[in-house]
Amino acid sequence: LFQPKQVGEITVQHRIVLAPLTRNRANKEHVHGDLAVEYYSQRASMPGTLLITEATYIARKAGGYPHVPGIWSEEQIAAWK
């Protein structure tokens, strides 16, 4: 469980993975803000940790819930980086 493992081209330092959890912390334009950055930063603080991010809308029409992040606009893409 706590031994390194090769996953494709990436080596993770342990076999514990953060499963995707919808956090509903994006703004009304579906852009992540500081709270989401802090959330993922805390969970990625150990090098070699694998995180699977939350559900993310690929288009405005693909969504149905508020505050779920999107990835169709330049602003949204920048927020994920």
C-alpha atoms as a PDB file:
ATOM      1  CA  LEU A   1       0.000   0.000   0.000  1.00  0.00           C
ATOM      2  CA  PHE A   2       2.829   2.407   0.803  1.00  0.00           C
ATOM      3  CA  GLN A   3       5.247   1.307  -1.913  1.00  0.00           C
ATOM      4  CA  PRO A   4       5.874   3.243  -5.149  1.00  0.00           C
ATOM      5  CA  LYS A   5       3.882   2.106  -8.183  1.00  0.00           C
ATOM      6  CA  GLN A   6       4.273   2.913 -11.871  1.00  0.00           C
ATOM      7  CA  VAL A   7       1.032   4.205 -13.439  1.00  0.00           C
ATOM      8  CA  GLY A   8       1.690   4.744 -17.128  1.00  0.00           C
ATOM      9  CA  GLU A   9       4.534   7.247 -17.324  1.00  0.00           C
ATOM     10  CA  ILE A  10       4.036   8.447 -13.743  1.00  0.00           C
ATOM     11  CA  THR A  11       5.422   6.918 -10.561  1.00  0.00           C
ATOM     12  CA  VAL A  12       3.166   7.374  -7.555  1.00  0.00           C
ATOM     13  CA  GLN A  13       4.776   7.049  -4.127  1.00  0.00           C
ATOM     14  CA  HIS A  14       1.918   5.031  -2.614  1.00  0.00           C
ATOM     15  CA  ARG A  15      -1.247   3.286  -3.757  1.00  0.00           C
ATOM     16  CA  ILE A  16      -3.793   5.543  -2.074  1.00  0.00           C
ATOM     17  CA  VAL A  17      -5.790   7.533  -4.629  1.00  0.00           C
ATOM     18  CA  LEU A  18      -8.205  10.406  -4.057  1.00  0.00           C
ATOM     19  CA  ALA A  19     -11.400   9.342  -5.797  1.00  0.00           C
ATOM     20  CA  PRO A  20     -13.399  11.983  -7.687  1.00  0.00           C
ATOM     21  CA  LEU A  21     -15.680  13.972  -5.392  1.00  0.00           C
ATOM     22  CA  THR A  22     -17.924  16.747  -6.670  1.00  0.00           C
ATOM     23  CA  ARG A  23     -17.147  19.726  -4.434  1.00  0.00           C
ATOM     24  CA  ASN A  24     -19.527  22.325  -5.965  1.00  0.00           C
ATOM     25  CA  ARG A  25     -17.087  25.161  -5.260  1.00  0.00           C
ATOM     26  CA  ALA A  26     -16.945  26.857  -8.650  1.00  0.00           C
ATOM     27  CA  ASN A  27     -18.561  30.253  -9.237  1.00  0.00           C
ATOM     28  CA  LYS A  28     -21.701  30.867 -11.323  1.00  0.00           C
ATOM     29  CA  GLU A  29     -19.545  30.866 -14.485  1.00  0.00           C
ATOM     30  CA  HIS A  30     -18.244  27.398 -13.503  1.00  0.00           C
ATOM     31  CA  VAL A  31     -14.729  28.693 -12.758  1.00  0.00           C
ATOM     32  CA  HIS A  32     -12.720  27.322  -9.833  1.00  0.00           C
ATOM     33  CA  GLY A  33     -11.683  29.892  -7.243  1.00  0.00           C
ATOM     34  CA  ASP A  34      -9.255  30.081  -4.349  1.00  0.00           C
ATOM     35  CA  LEU A  35     -11.171  27.557  -2.242  1.00  0.00           C
ATOM     36  CA  ALA A  36     -10.815  24.833  -4.883  1.00  0.00           C
ATOM     37  CA  VAL A  37      -7.130  25.643  -5.364  1.00  0.00           C
ATOM     38  CA  GLU A  38      -6.577  25.304  -1.611  1.00  0.00           C
ATOM     39  CA  TYR A  39      -8.566  22.036  -1.501  1.00  0.00           C
ATOM     40  CA  TYR A  40      -6.532  20.335  -4.235  1.00  0.00           C
ATOM     41  CA  SER A  41      -3.240  21.825  -3.016  1.00  0.00           C
ATOM     42  CA  GLN A  42      -3.765  20.327   0.432  1.00  0.00           C
ATOM     43  CA  ARG A  43      -4.450  16.910  -1.021  1.00  0.00           C
ATOM     44  CA  ALA A  44      -1.498  17.070  -3.411  1.00  0.00           C
ATOM     45  CA  SER A  45       0.990  18.210  -0.769  1.00  0.00           C
ATOM     46  CA  MET A  46       2.685  14.793  -0.668  1.00  0.00           C
ATOM     47  CA  PRO A  47       4.742  14.317  -3.860  1.00  0.00           C
ATOM     48  CA  GLY A  48       3.706  11.325  -5.938  1.00  0.00           C
ATOM     49  CA  THR A  49       0.022  11.469  -4.946  1.00  0.00           C
ATOM     50  CA  LEU A  50      -2.626  10.597  -7.552  1.00  0.00           C
ATOM     51  CA  LEU A  51      -5.761  12.764  -7.469  1.00  0.00           C
ATOM     52  CA  ILE A  52      -8.762  12.198  -9.717  1.00  0.00           C
ATOM     53  CA  THR A  53     -10.554  15.538  -9.951  1.00  0.00           C
ATOM     54  CA  GLU A  54     -14.259  16.115  -9.670  1.00  0.00           C
ATOM     55  CA  ALA A  55     -16.885  15.989 -12.398  1.00  0.00           C
ATOM     56  CA  THR A  56     -16.270  18.807 -14.869  1.00  0.00           C
ATOM     57  CA  TYR A  57     -18.668  20.083 -17.529  1.00  0.00           C
ATOM     58  CA  ILE A  58     -17.267  20.110 -21.062  1.00  0.00           C
ATOM     59  CA  ALA A  59     -19.897  22.580 -22.334  1.00  0.00           C
ATOM     60  CA  ARG A  60     -22.503  24.909 -20.801  1.00  0.00           C
ATOM     61  CA  LYS A  61     -25.300  22.676 -22.132  1.00  0.00           C
ATOM     62  CA  ALA A  62     -23.663  19.608 -20.573  1.00  0.00           C
ATOM     63  CA  GLY A  63     -24.387  20.855 -17.055  1.00  0.00           C
ATOM     64  CA  GLY A  64     -27.403  20.925 -14.841  1.00  0.00           C
ATOM     65  CA  TYR A  65     -26.083  21.937 -11.447  1.00  0.00           C
ATOM     66  CA  PRO A  66     -24.643  25.244 -10.240  1.00  0.00           C
ATOM     67  CA  HIS A  67     -21.088  25.597  -8.954  1.00  0.00           C
ATOM     68  CA  VAL A  68     -19.705  22.554 -10.793  1.00  0.00           C
ATOM     69  CA  PRO A  69     -16.485  23.466 -12.611  1.00  0.00           C
ATOM     70  CA  GLY A  70     -16.325  23.654 -16.381  1.00  0.00           C
ATOM     71  CA  ILE A  71     -13.532  23.322 -18.895  1.00  0.00           C
ATOM     72  CA  TRP A  72     -14.921  24.924 -22.087  1.00  0.00           C
ATOM     73  CA  SER A  73     -13.708  28.505 -21.633  1.00  0.00           C
ATOM     74  CA  GLU A  74     -10.187  29.921 -21.452  1.00  0.00           C
ATOM     75  CA  GLU A  75     -10.907  31.253 -17.941  1.00  0.00           C
ATOM     76  CA  GLN A  76     -11.994  27.809 -16.732  1.00  0.00           C
ATOM     77  CA  ILE A  77      -8.988  26.097 -18.298  1.00  0.00           C
ATOM     78  CA  ALA A  78      -6.648  28.620 -16.665  1.00  0.00           C
ATOM     79  CA  ALA A  79      -8.247  27.952 -13.262  1.00  0.00           C
ATOM     80  CA  TRP A  80      -7.412  24.235 -13.555  1.00  0.00           C
ATOM     81  CA  LYS A  81      -3.707  24.923 -14.174  1.00  0.00           C
END
